[in-house]
């Protein structure tokens, strides 16, 4: 099982963003939120609507965060979807060949 977008907690959001090593402004912009909304949610002083939580969740997932539900043995949490080697490989592929162009197909 996995954590559903509407179930994202401030702790999961903060931990997920820490794993991405992406600052709150970029995460906020990608999620269609303000930086202050993201910071306030992570600090438990602000609330997000279910739609805003869903956008934040999907943005963190797009940066490689995997959300884990709690079970009988362990609590909920986050982890990287790709290990360090895979992340470097993906980065290398993204940097190859310069900017993408239009396909002739």
PDB file of N, CA and C in Angstrom:
ATOM      1  N   UNK A   1       0.833  -1.188   0.000  1.00  0.00           N
ATOM      2  CA  UNK A   1       0.000   0.000   0.000  1.00  0.00           C
ATOM      3  C   UNK A   1       0.876   1.248   0.000  1.00  0.00           C
ATOM      4  N   UNK A   2       0.287   2.348  -0.404  1.00  0.00           N
ATOM      5  CA  UNK A   2       1.035   3.590  -0.400  1.00  0.00           C
ATOM      6  C   UNK A   2       0.199   4.713   0.179  1.00  0.00           C
ATOM      7  N   UNK A   3       0.849   5.775   0.531  1.00  0.00           N
ATOM      8  CA  UNK A   3       0.173   6.947   1.065  1.00  0.00           C
ATOM      9  C   UNK A   3      -0.581   7.605  -0.091  1.00  0.00           C
ATOM     10  N   UNK A   4      -1.829   7.963   0.142  1.00  0.00           N
ATOM     11  CA  UNK A   4      -2.625   8.642  -0.880  1.00  0.00           C
ATOM     12  C   UNK A   4      -2.332  10.136  -0.829  1.00  0.00           C
ATOM     13  N   UNK A   5      -2.501  10.828  -1.958  1.00  0.00           N
ATOM     14  CA  UNK A   5      -2.187  12.261  -1.983  1.00  0.00           C
ATOM     15  C   UNK A   5      -2.869  13.061  -0.879  1.00  0.00           C
ATOM     16  N   UNK A   6      -4.128  12.756  -0.595  1.00  0.00           N
ATOM     17  CA  UNK A   6      -4.845  13.531   0.422  1.00  0.00           C
ATOM     18  C   UNK A   6      -4.351  13.221   1.836  1.00  0.00           C
ATOM     19  N   UNK A   7      -3.565  12.159   1.997  1.00  0.00           N
ATOM     20  CA  UNK A   7      -3.051  11.760   3.302  1.00  0.00           C
ATOM     21  C   UNK A   7      -1.660  12.301   3.600  1.00  0.00           C
ATOM     22  N   UNK A   8      -1.090  13.084   2.697  1.00  0.00           N
ATOM     23  CA  UNK A   8       0.254  13.608   2.935  1.00  0.00           C
ATOM     24  C   UNK A   8       0.227  14.501   4.181  1.00  0.00           C
ATOM     25  N   UNK A   9       1.184  14.270   5.051  1.00  0.00           N
ATOM     26  CA  UNK A   9       1.275  15.037   6.293  1.00  0.00           C
ATOM     27  C   UNK A   9       2.405  16.062   6.170  1.00  0.00           C
ATOM     28  N   UNK A  10       2.409  17.050   7.059  1.00  0.00           N
ATOM     29  CA  UNK A  10       3.522  18.004   7.041  1.00  0.00           C
ATOM     30  C   UNK A  10       4.886  17.317   7.175  1.00  0.00           C
ATOM     31  N   UNK A  11       4.971  16.307   8.021  1.00  0.00           N
ATOM     32  CA  UNK A  11       6.238  15.597   8.201  1.00  0.00           C
ATOM     33  C   UNK A  11       6.677  14.869   6.939  1.00  0.00           C
ATOM     34  N   UNK A  12       5.731  14.233   6.260  1.00  0.00           N
ATOM     35  CA  UNK A  12       6.060  13.553   5.004  1.00  0.00           C
ATOM     36  C   UNK A  12       6.497  14.557   3.942  1.00  0.00           C
ATOM     37  N   UNK A  13       5.798  15.681   3.875  1.00  0.00           N
ATOM     38  CA  UNK A  13       6.155  16.708   2.887  1.00  0.00           C
ATOM     39  C   UNK A  13       7.559  17.245   3.153  1.00  0.00           C
ATOM     40  N   UNK A  14       7.853  17.532   4.415  1.00  0.00           N
ATOM     41  CA  UNK A  14       9.170  18.068   4.777  1.00  0.00           C
ATOM     42  C   UNK A  14      10.271  17.046   4.514  1.00  0.00           C
ATOM     43  N   UNK A  15      10.022  15.790   4.886  1.00  0.00           N
ATOM     44  CA  UNK A  15      11.022  14.743   4.653  1.00  0.00           C
ATOM     45  C   UNK A  15      11.224  14.491   3.167  1.00  0.00           C
ATOM     46  N   UNK A  16      10.127  14.491   2.414  1.00  0.00           N
ATOM     47  CA  UNK A  16      10.231  14.278   0.973  1.00  0.00           C
ATOM     48  C   UNK A  16      11.020  15.376   0.291  1.00  0.00           C
ATOM     49  N   UNK A  17      10.764  16.616   0.705  1.00  0.00           N
ATOM     50  CA  UNK A  17      11.498  17.736   0.096  1.00  0.00           C
ATOM     51  C   UNK A  17      12.967  17.673   0.478  1.00  0.00           C
ATOM     52  N   UNK A  18      13.264  17.250   1.695  1.00  0.00           N
ATOM     53  CA  UNK A  18      14.662  17.102   2.112  1.00  0.00           C
ATOM     54  C   UNK A  18      15.368  16.059   1.252  1.00  0.00           C
ATOM     55  N   UNK A  19      14.677  14.968   0.934  1.00  0.00           N
ATOM     56  CA  UNK A  19      15.274  13.940   0.076  1.00  0.00           C
ATOM     57  C   UNK A  19      15.546  14.461  -1.333  1.00  0.00           C
ATOM     58  N   UNK A  20      14.671  15.311  -1.829  1.00  0.00           N
ATOM     59  CA  UNK A  20      14.849  15.815  -3.195  1.00  0.00           C
ATOM     60  C   UNK A  20      16.001  16.797  -3.296  1.00  0.00           C
ATOM     61  N   UNK A  21      16.326  17.441  -2.180  1.00  0.00           N
ATOM     62  CA  UNK A  21      17.322  18.502  -2.144  1.00  0.00           C
ATOM     63  C   UNK A  21      16.959  19.630  -3.107  1.00  0.00           C
ATOM     64  N   UNK A  22      15.664  19.895  -3.203  1.00  0.00           N
ATOM     65  CA  UNK A  22      15.147  20.987  -4.018  1.00  0.00           C
ATOM     66  C   UNK A  22      14.511  21.985  -3.068  1.00  0.00           C
ATOM     67  N   UNK A  23      14.783  23.281  -3.284  1.00  0.00           N
ATOM     68  CA  UNK A  23      14.280  24.263  -2.329  1.00  0.00           C
ATOM     69  C   UNK A  23      12.768  24.445  -2.444  1.00  0.00           C
ATOM     70  N   UNK A  24      12.206  25.048  -1.412  1.00  0.00           N
ATOM     71  CA  UNK A  24      10.756  25.178  -1.308  1.00  0.00           C
ATOM     72  C   UNK A  24      10.161  26.030  -2.425  1.00  0.00           C
ATOM     73  N   UNK A  25      10.897  26.988  -2.952  1.00  0.00           N
ATOM     74  CA  UNK A  25      10.371  27.827  -4.026  1.00  0.00           C
ATOM     75  C   UNK A  25      10.106  26.999  -5.284  1.00  0.00           C
ATOM     76  N   UNK A  26      11.040  26.149  -5.645  1.00  0.00           N
ATOM     77  CA  UNK A  26      10.879  25.324  -6.849  1.00  0.00           C
ATOM     78  C   UNK A  26       9.747  24.325  -6.667  1.00  0.00           C
ATOM     79  N   UNK A  27       9.701  23.664  -5.512  1.00  0.00           N
ATOM     80  CA  UNK A  27       8.618  22.717  -5.236  1.00  0.00           C
ATOM     81  C   UNK A  27       7.280  23.445  -5.292  1.00  0.00           C
ATOM     82  N   UNK A  28       7.213  24.613  -4.662  1.00  0.00           N
ATOM     83  CA  UNK A  28       5.971  25.389  -4.634  1.00  0.00           C
ATOM     84  C   UNK A  28       5.519  25.769  -6.039  1.00  0.00           C
ATOM     85  N   UNK A  29       6.437  26.285  -6.845  1.00  0.00           N
ATOM     86  CA  UNK A  29       6.088  26.684  -8.215  1.00  0.00           C
ATOM     87  C   UNK A  29       5.597  25.498  -9.026  1.00  0.00           C
ATOM     88  N   UNK A  30       6.275  24.367  -8.904  1.00  0.00           N
ATOM     89  CA  UNK A  30       5.875  23.177  -9.654  1.00  0.00           C
ATOM     90  C   UNK A  30       4.515  22.649  -9.203  1.00  0.00           C
ATOM     91  N   UNK A  31       4.173  22.874  -7.938  1.00  0.00           N
ATOM     92  CA  UNK A  31       2.900  22.397  -7.393  1.00  0.00           C
ATOM     93  C   UNK A  31       1.786  23.434  -7.515  1.00  0.00           C
ATOM     94  N   UNK A  32       2.113  24.606  -8.050  1.00  0.00           N
ATOM     95  CA  UNK A  32       1.103  25.660  -8.173  1.00  0.00           C
ATOM     96  C   UNK A  32       0.738  26.273  -6.829  1.00  0.00           C
ATOM     97  N   UNK A  33       1.703  26.308  -5.915  1.00  0.00           N
ATOM     98  CA  UNK A  33       1.507  26.880  -4.585  1.00  0.00           C
ATOM     99  C   UNK A  33       2.489  28.023  -4.392  1.00  0.00           C
ATOM    100  N   UNK A  34       2.325  28.745  -3.296  1.00  0.00           N
ATOM    101  CA  UNK A  34       3.323  29.751  -2.956  1.00  0.00           C
ATOM    102  C   UNK A  34       4.367  29.110  -2.054  1.00  0.00           C
ATOM    103  N   UNK A  35       5.530  29.709  -2.013  1.00  0.00           N
ATOM    104  CA  UNK A  35       6.590  29.207  -1.139  1.00  0.00           C
ATOM    105  C   UNK A  35       6.119  29.214   0.313  1.00  0.00           C
ATOM    106  N   UNK A  36       5.390  30.280   0.678  1.00  0.00           N
ATOM    107  CA  UNK A  36       4.913  30.389   2.057  1.00  0.00           C
ATOM    108  C   UNK A  36       3.913  29.284   2.395  1.00  0.00           C
ATOM    109  N   UNK A  37       3.070  28.894   1.440  1.00  0.00           N
ATOM    110  CA  UNK A  37       2.133  27.792   1.686  1.00  0.00           C
ATOM    111  C   UNK A  37       2.884  26.497   1.996  1.00  0.00           C
ATOM    112  N   UNK A  38       3.924  26.226   1.218  1.00  0.00           N
ATOM    113  CA  UNK A  38       4.703  25.001   1.434  1.00  0.00           C
ATOM    114  C   UNK A  38       5.399  25.058   2.793  1.00  0.00           C
ATOM    115  N   UNK A  39       6.029  26.169   3.088  1.00  0.00           N
ATOM    116  CA  UNK A  39       6.737  26.304   4.373  1.00  0.00           C
ATOM    117  C   UNK A  39       5.778  26.204   5.555  1.00  0.00           C
ATOM    118  N   UNK A  40       4.638  26.899   5.459  1.00  0.00           N
ATOM    119  CA  UNK A  40       3.671  26.868   6.554  1.00  0.00           C
ATOM    120  C   UNK A  40       3.105  25.466   6.753  1.00  0.00           C
ATOM    121  N   UNK A  41       2.828  24.751   5.667  1.00  0.00           N
ATOM    122  CA  UNK A  41       2.319  23.387   5.777  1.00  0.00           C
ATOM    123  C   UNK A  41       3.355  22.486   6.446  1.00  0.00           C
ATOM    124  N   UNK A  42       4.599  22.598   6.018  1.00  0.00           N
ATOM    125  CA  UNK A  42       5.664  21.778   6.603  1.00  0.00           C
ATOM    126  C   UNK A  42       5.863  22.070   8.088  1.00  0.00           C
ATOM    127  N   UNK A  43       5.626  23.315   8.505  1.00  0.00           N
ATOM    128  CA  UNK A  43       5.800  23.705   9.907  1.00  0.00           C
ATOM    129  C   UNK A  43       4.525  23.503  10.730  1.00  0.00           C
ATOM    130  N   UNK A  44       3.474  22.992  10.098  1.00  0.00           N
ATOM    131  CA  UNK A  44       2.185  22.740  10.754  1.00  0.00           C
ATOM    132  C   UNK A  44       1.485  24.012  11.199  1.00  0.00           C
ATOM    133  N   UNK A  45       1.766  25.141  10.557  1.00  0.00           N
ATOM    134  CA  UNK A  45       1.056  26.386  10.891  1.00  0.00           C
ATOM    135  C   UNK A  45       0.077  26.773   9.798  1.00  0.00           C
ATOM    136  N   UNK A  46       0.075  26.046   8.714  1.00  0.00           N
ATOM    137  CA  UNK A  46      -0.852  26.310   7.628  1.00  0.00           C
ATOM    138  C   UNK A  46      -1.483  25.018   7.138  1.00  0.00           C
ATOM    139  N   UNK A  47      -2.588  25.146   6.465  1.00  0.00           N
ATOM    140  CA  UNK A  47      -3.291  23.980   5.933  1.00  0.00           C
ATOM    141  C   UNK A  47      -3.358  24.092   4.410  1.00  0.00           C
ATOM    142  N   UNK A  48      -3.463  22.935   3.789  1.00  0.00           N
ATOM    143  CA  UNK A  48      -3.659  22.873   2.345  1.00  0.00           C
ATOM    144  C   UNK A  48      -4.976  22.162   2.074  1.00  0.00           C
ATOM    145  N   UNK A  49      -5.633  22.558   0.999  1.00  0.00           N
ATOM    146  CA  UNK A  49      -6.849  21.865   0.585  1.00  0.00           C
ATOM    147  C   UNK A  49      -6.459  20.490   0.052  1.00  0.00           C
ATOM    148  N   UNK A  50      -7.409  19.569  -0.059  1.00  0.00           N
ATOM    149  CA  UNK A  50      -7.089  18.265  -0.652  1.00  0.00           C
ATOM    150  C   UNK A  50      -6.477  18.379  -2.050  1.00  0.00           C
ATOM    151  N   UNK A  51      -6.947  19.324  -2.845  1.00  0.00           N
ATOM    152  CA  UNK A  51      -6.390  19.529  -4.199  1.00  0.00           C
ATOM    153  C   UNK A  51      -4.944  20.022  -4.116  1.00  0.00           C
ATOM    154  N   UNK A  52      -4.661  20.935  -3.203  1.00  0.00           N
ATOM    155  CA  UNK A  52      -3.294  21.439  -3.034  1.00  0.00           C
ATOM    156  C   UNK A  52      -2.365  20.336  -2.521  1.00  0.00           C
ATOM    157  N   UNK A  53      -2.858  19.516  -1.590  1.00  0.00           N
ATOM    158  CA  UNK A  53      -2.065  18.383  -1.099  1.00  0.00           C
ATOM    159  C   UNK A  53      -1.743  17.423  -2.240  1.00  0.00           C
ATOM    160  N   UNK A  54      -2.720  17.181  -3.086  1.00  0.00           N
ATOM    161  CA  UNK A  54      -2.513  16.282  -4.217  1.00  0.00           C
ATOM    162  C   UNK A  54      -1.437  16.817  -5.160  1.00  0.00           C
ATOM    163  N   UNK A  55      -1.479  18.115  -5.431  1.00  0.00           N
ATOM    164  CA  UNK A  55      -0.464  18.715  -6.310  1.00  0.00           C
ATOM    165  C   UNK A  55       0.920  18.650  -5.679  1.00  0.00           C
ATOM    166  N   UNK A  56       1.010  18.902  -4.375  1.00  0.00           N
ATOM    167  CA  UNK A  56       2.290  18.824  -3.676  1.00  0.00           C
ATOM    168  C   UNK A  56       2.819  17.389  -3.712  1.00  0.00           C
ATOM    169  N   UNK A  57       1.966  16.441  -3.440  1.00  0.00           N
ATOM    170  CA  UNK A  57       2.313  15.017  -3.459  1.00  0.00           C
ATOM    171  C   UNK A  57       2.858  14.613  -4.831  1.00  0.00           C
ATOM    172  N   UNK A  58       2.132  14.975  -5.883  1.00  0.00           N
ATOM    173  CA  UNK A  58       2.551  14.609  -7.247  1.00  0.00           C
ATOM    174  C   UNK A  58       3.858  15.297  -7.633  1.00  0.00           C
ATOM    175  N   UNK A  59       4.059  16.516  -7.176  1.00  0.00           N
ATOM    176  CA  UNK A  59       5.319  17.213  -7.458  1.00  0.00           C
ATOM    177  C   UNK A  59       6.483  16.507  -6.777  1.00  0.00           C
ATOM    178  N   UNK A  60       6.312  16.147  -5.516  1.00  0.00           N
ATOM    179  CA  UNK A  60       7.383  15.437  -4.809  1.00  0.00           C
ATOM    180  C   UNK A  60       7.658  14.092  -5.469  1.00  0.00           C
ATOM    181  N   UNK A  61       6.604  13.398  -5.899  1.00  0.00           N
ATOM    182  CA  UNK A  61       6.800  12.133  -6.620  1.00  0.00           C
ATOM    183  C   UNK A  61       7.590  12.350  -7.910  1.00  0.00           C
ATOM    184  N   UNK A  62       7.319  13.460  -8.597  1.00  0.00           N
ATOM    185  CA  UNK A  62       8.027  13.728  -9.854  1.00  0.00           C
ATOM    186  C   UNK A  62       9.515  13.965  -9.620  1.00  0.00           C
ATOM    187  N   UNK A  63       9.891  14.344  -8.404  1.00  0.00           N
ATOM    188  CA  UNK A  63      11.298  14.524  -8.054  1.00  0.00           C
ATOM    189  C   UNK A  63      11.912  13.258  -7.463  1.00  0.00           C
ATOM    190  N   UNK A  64      11.177  12.143  -7.513  1.00  0.00           N
ATOM    191  CA  UNK A  64      11.743  10.862  -7.103  1.00  0.00           C
ATOM    192  C   UNK A  64      11.434  10.414  -5.690  1.00  0.00           C
ATOM    193  N   UNK A  65      10.448  11.024  -5.042  1.00  0.00           N
ATOM    194  CA  UNK A  65      10.071  10.628  -3.688  1.00  0.00           C
ATOM    195  C   UNK A  65       9.041   9.507  -3.769  1.00  0.00           C
ATOM    196  N   UNK A  66       9.255   8.446  -3.005  1.00  0.00           N
ATOM    197  CA  UNK A  66       8.285   7.361  -2.877  1.00  0.00           C
ATOM    198  C   UNK A  66       7.726   7.425  -1.459  1.00  0.00           C
ATOM    199  N   UNK A  67       6.414   7.489  -1.343  1.00  0.00           N
ATOM    200  CA  UNK A  67       5.753   7.559  -0.043  1.00  0.00           C
ATOM    201  C   UNK A  67       5.413   6.145   0.418  1.00  0.00           C
ATOM    202  N   UNK A  68       5.677   5.870   1.690  1.00  0.00           N
ATOM    203  CA  UNK A  68       5.494   4.538   2.249  1.00  0.00           C
ATOM    204  C   UNK A  68       4.466   4.607   3.370  1.00  0.00           C
ATOM    205  N   UNK A  69       3.497   3.687   3.352  1.00  0.00           N
ATOM    206  CA  UNK A  69       2.505   3.644   4.424  1.00  0.00           C
ATOM    207  C   UNK A  69       3.040   2.875   5.616  1.00  0.00           C
ATOM    208  N   UNK A  70       2.404   3.108   6.757  1.00  0.00           N
ATOM    209  CA  UNK A  70       2.814   2.347   7.927  1.00  0.00           C
ATOM    210  C   UNK A  70       2.189   0.958   7.880  1.00  0.00           C
ATOM    211  N   UNK A  71       2.859   0.015   8.531  1.00  0.00           N
ATOM    212  CA  UNK A  71       2.321  -1.336   8.638  1.00  0.00           C
ATOM    213  C   UNK A  71       2.497  -1.804  10.077  1.00  0.00           C
ATOM    214  N   UNK A  72       2.365  -3.076  10.312  1.00  0.00           N
ATOM    215  CA  UNK A  72       2.451  -3.601  11.673  1.00  0.00           C
ATOM    216  C   UNK A  72       3.826  -3.388  12.304  1.00  0.00           C
ATOM    217  N   UNK A  73       4.865  -3.333  11.484  1.00  0.00           N
ATOM    218  CA  UNK A  73       6.225  -3.249  12.007  1.00  0.00           C
ATOM    219  C   UNK A  73       6.827  -1.848  11.995  1.00  0.00           C
ATOM    220  N   UNK A  74       6.455  -1.036  11.008  1.00  0.00           N
ATOM    221  CA  UNK A  74       7.105   0.253  10.814  1.00  0.00           C
ATOM    222  C   UNK A  74       6.085   1.353  10.580  1.00  0.00           C
ATOM    223  N   UNK A  75       6.503   2.574  10.856  1.00  0.00           N
ATOM    224  CA  UNK A  75       5.655   3.734  10.605  1.00  0.00           C
ATOM    225  C   UNK A  75       5.756   4.190   9.164  1.00  0.00           C
ATOM    226  N   UNK A  76       4.984   5.217   8.841  1.00  0.00           N
ATOM    227  CA  UNK A  76       5.002   5.756   7.487  1.00  0.00           C
ATOM    228  C   UNK A  76       6.297   6.514   7.253  1.00  0.00           C
ATOM    229  N   UNK A  77       6.598   6.781   5.978  1.00  0.00           N
ATOM    230  CA  UNK A  77       7.826   7.502   5.671  1.00  0.00           C
ATOM    231  C   UNK A  77       7.971   7.774   4.196  1.00  0.00           C
ATOM    232  N   UNK A  78       9.166   8.196   3.826  1.00  0.00           N
ATOM    233  CA  UNK A  78       9.498   8.481   2.431  1.00  0.00           C
ATOM    234  C   UNK A  78      10.847   7.859   2.122  1.00  0.00           C
ATOM    235  N   UNK A  79      11.063   7.606   0.868  1.00  0.00           N
ATOM    236  CA  UNK A  79      12.372   7.141   0.419  1.00  0.00           C
ATOM    237  C   UNK A  79      12.565   7.578  -1.015  1.00  0.00           C
ATOM    238  N   UNK A  80      13.804   7.524  -1.475  1.00  0.00           N
ATOM    239  CA  UNK A  80      14.090   7.856  -2.871  1.00  0.00           C
ATOM    240  C   UNK A  80      13.660   6.709  -3.754  1.00  0.00           C
ATOM    241  N   UNK A  81      13.059   7.052  -4.869  1.00  0.00           N
ATOM    242  CA  UNK A  81      12.635   6.036  -5.818  1.00  0.00           C
ATOM    243  C   UNK A  81      13.834   5.420  -6.529  1.00  0.00           C
ATOM    244  N   UNK A  82      14.881   6.215  -6.727  1.00  0.00           N
ATOM    245  CA  UNK A  82      16.073   5.738  -7.422  1.00  0.00           C
ATOM    246  C   UNK A  82      17.262   5.798  -6.469  1.00  0.00           C
ATOM    247  N   UNK A  83      18.154   4.823  -6.566  1.00  0.00           N
ATOM    248  CA  UNK A  83      19.360   4.887  -5.754  1.00  0.00           C
ATOM    249  C   UNK A  83      20.312   5.922  -6.355  1.00  0.00           C
ATOM    250  N   UNK A  84      21.397   6.211  -5.674  1.00  0.00           N
ATOM    251  CA  UNK A  84      22.327   7.258  -6.112  1.00  0.00           C
ATOM    252  C   UNK A  84      22.903   6.979  -7.493  1.00  0.00           C
ATOM    253  N   UNK A  85      23.211   5.728  -7.780  1.00  0.00           N
ATOM    254  CA  UNK A  85      23.763   5.368  -9.081  1.00  0.00           C
ATOM    255  C   UNK A  85      22.766   5.651 -10.199  1.00  0.00           C
ATOM    256  N   UNK A  86      21.512   5.271  -9.994  1.00  0.00           N
ATOM    257  CA  UNK A  86      20.469   5.499 -10.999  1.00  0.00           C
ATOM    258  C   UNK A  86      20.223   6.992 -11.187  1.00  0.00           C
ATOM    259  N   UNK A  87      20.253   7.749 -10.104  1.00  0.00           N
ATOM    260  CA  UNK A  87      20.059   9.192 -10.193  1.00  0.00           C
ATOM    261  C   UNK A  87      21.154   9.835 -11.034  1.00  0.00           C
ATOM    262  N   UNK A  88      22.424   9.426 -10.812  1.00  0.00           N
ATOM    263  CA  UNK A  88      23.531   9.966 -11.610  1.00  0.00           C
ATOM    264  C   UNK A  88      23.358   9.595 -13.075  1.00  0.00           C
ATOM    265  N   UNK A  89      22.927   8.369 -13.347  1.00  0.00           N
ATOM    266  CA  UNK A  89      22.721   7.923 -14.720  1.00  0.00           C
ATOM    267  C   UNK A  89      21.628   8.757 -15.392  1.00  0.00           C
ATOM    268  N   UNK A  90      20.523   8.987 -14.700  1.00  0.00           N
ATOM    269  CA  UNK A  90      19.444   9.794 -15.258  1.00  0.00           C
ATOM    270  C   UNK A  90      19.919  11.215 -15.543  1.00  0.00           C
ATOM    271  N   UNK A  91      20.690  11.784 -14.605  1.00  0.00           N
ATOM    272  CA  UNK A  91      21.232  13.138 -14.789  1.00  0.00           C
ATOM    273  C   UNK A  91      22.143  13.190 -16.006  1.00  0.00           C
ATOM    274  N   UNK A  92      22.978  12.164 -16.178  1.00  0.00           N
ATOM    275  CA  UNK A  92      23.891  12.112 -17.317  1.00  0.00           C
ATOM    276  C   UNK A  92      23.094  12.055 -18.625  1.00  0.00           C
ATOM    277  N   UNK A  93      22.047  11.243 -18.654  1.00  0.00           N
ATOM    278  CA  UNK A  93      21.215  11.142 -19.856  1.00  0.00           C
ATOM    279  C   UNK A  93      20.545  12.469 -20.181  1.00  0.00           C
ATOM    280  N   UNK A  94      20.080  13.166 -19.138  1.00  0.00           N
ATOM    281  CA  UNK A  94      19.430  14.449 -19.359  1.00  0.00           C
ATOM    282  C   UNK A  94      20.392  15.480 -19.928  1.00  0.00           C
ATOM    283  N   UNK A  95      21.671  15.383 -19.568  1.00  0.00           N
ATOM    284  CA  UNK A  95      22.658  16.362 -20.005  1.00  0.00           C
ATOM    285  C   UNK A  95      23.257  16.067 -21.379  1.00  0.00           C
ATOM    286  N   UNK A  96      22.999  14.883 -21.916  1.00  0.00           N
ATOM    287  CA  UNK A  96      23.597  14.509 -23.197  1.00  0.00           C
ATOM    288  C   UNK A  96      22.915  15.216 -24.359  1.00  0.00           C
ATOM    289  N   UNK A  97      23.716  15.612 -25.314  1.00  0.00           N
ATOM    290  CA  UNK A  97      23.195  16.077 -26.591  1.00  0.00           C
ATOM    291  C   UNK A  97      22.570  17.438 -26.634  1.00  0.00           C
ATOM    292  N   UNK A  98      22.629  18.189 -25.582  1.00  0.00           N
ATOM    293  CA  UNK A  98      22.072  19.525 -25.599  1.00  0.00           C
ATOM    294  C   UNK A  98      20.555  19.521 -25.523  1.00  0.00           C
ATOM    295  N   UNK A  99      19.931  20.635 -25.891  1.00  0.00           N
ATOM    296  CA  UNK A  99      18.470  20.747 -25.772  1.00  0.00           C
ATOM    297  C   UNK A  99      17.764  19.862 -26.792  1.00  0.00           C
ATOM    298  N   UNK A 100      16.593  19.384 -26.382  1.00  0.00           N
ATOM    299  CA  UNK A 100      15.786  18.548 -27.274  1.00  0.00           C
ATOM    300  C   UNK A 100      15.219  19.374 -28.430  1.00  0.00           C
ATOM    301  N   UNK A 101      15.040  18.725 -29.534  1.00  0.00           N
ATOM    302  CA  UNK A 101      14.467  19.400 -30.700  1.00  0.00           C
ATOM    303  C   UNK A 101      13.190  18.726 -31.138  1.00  0.00           C
ATOM    304  N   UNK A 102      12.617  19.266 -32.174  1.00  0.00           N
ATOM    305  CA  UNK A 102      11.379  18.707 -32.725  1.00  0.00           C
ATOM    306  C   UNK A 102      11.692  17.438 -33.490  1.00  0.00           C
ATOM    307  N   UNK A 103      10.818  16.471 -33.376  1.00  0.00           N
ATOM    308  CA  UNK A 103      10.949  15.245 -34.146  1.00  0.00           C
ATOM    309  C   UNK A 103      10.381  15.440 -35.546  1.00  0.00           C
ATOM    310  N   UNK A 104      11.017  14.781 -36.523  1.00  0.00           N
ATOM    311  CA  UNK A 104      10.518  14.854 -37.891  1.00  0.00           C
ATOM    312  C   UNK A 104       9.468  13.797 -38.184  1.00  0.00           C
ATOM    313  N   UNK A 105       9.155  13.009 -37.192  1.00  0.00           N
ATOM    314  CA  UNK A 105       8.217  11.912 -37.401  1.00  0.00           C
ATOM    315  C   UNK A 105       6.805  12.387 -37.392  1.00  0.00           C
TER     316      UNK A 105
END
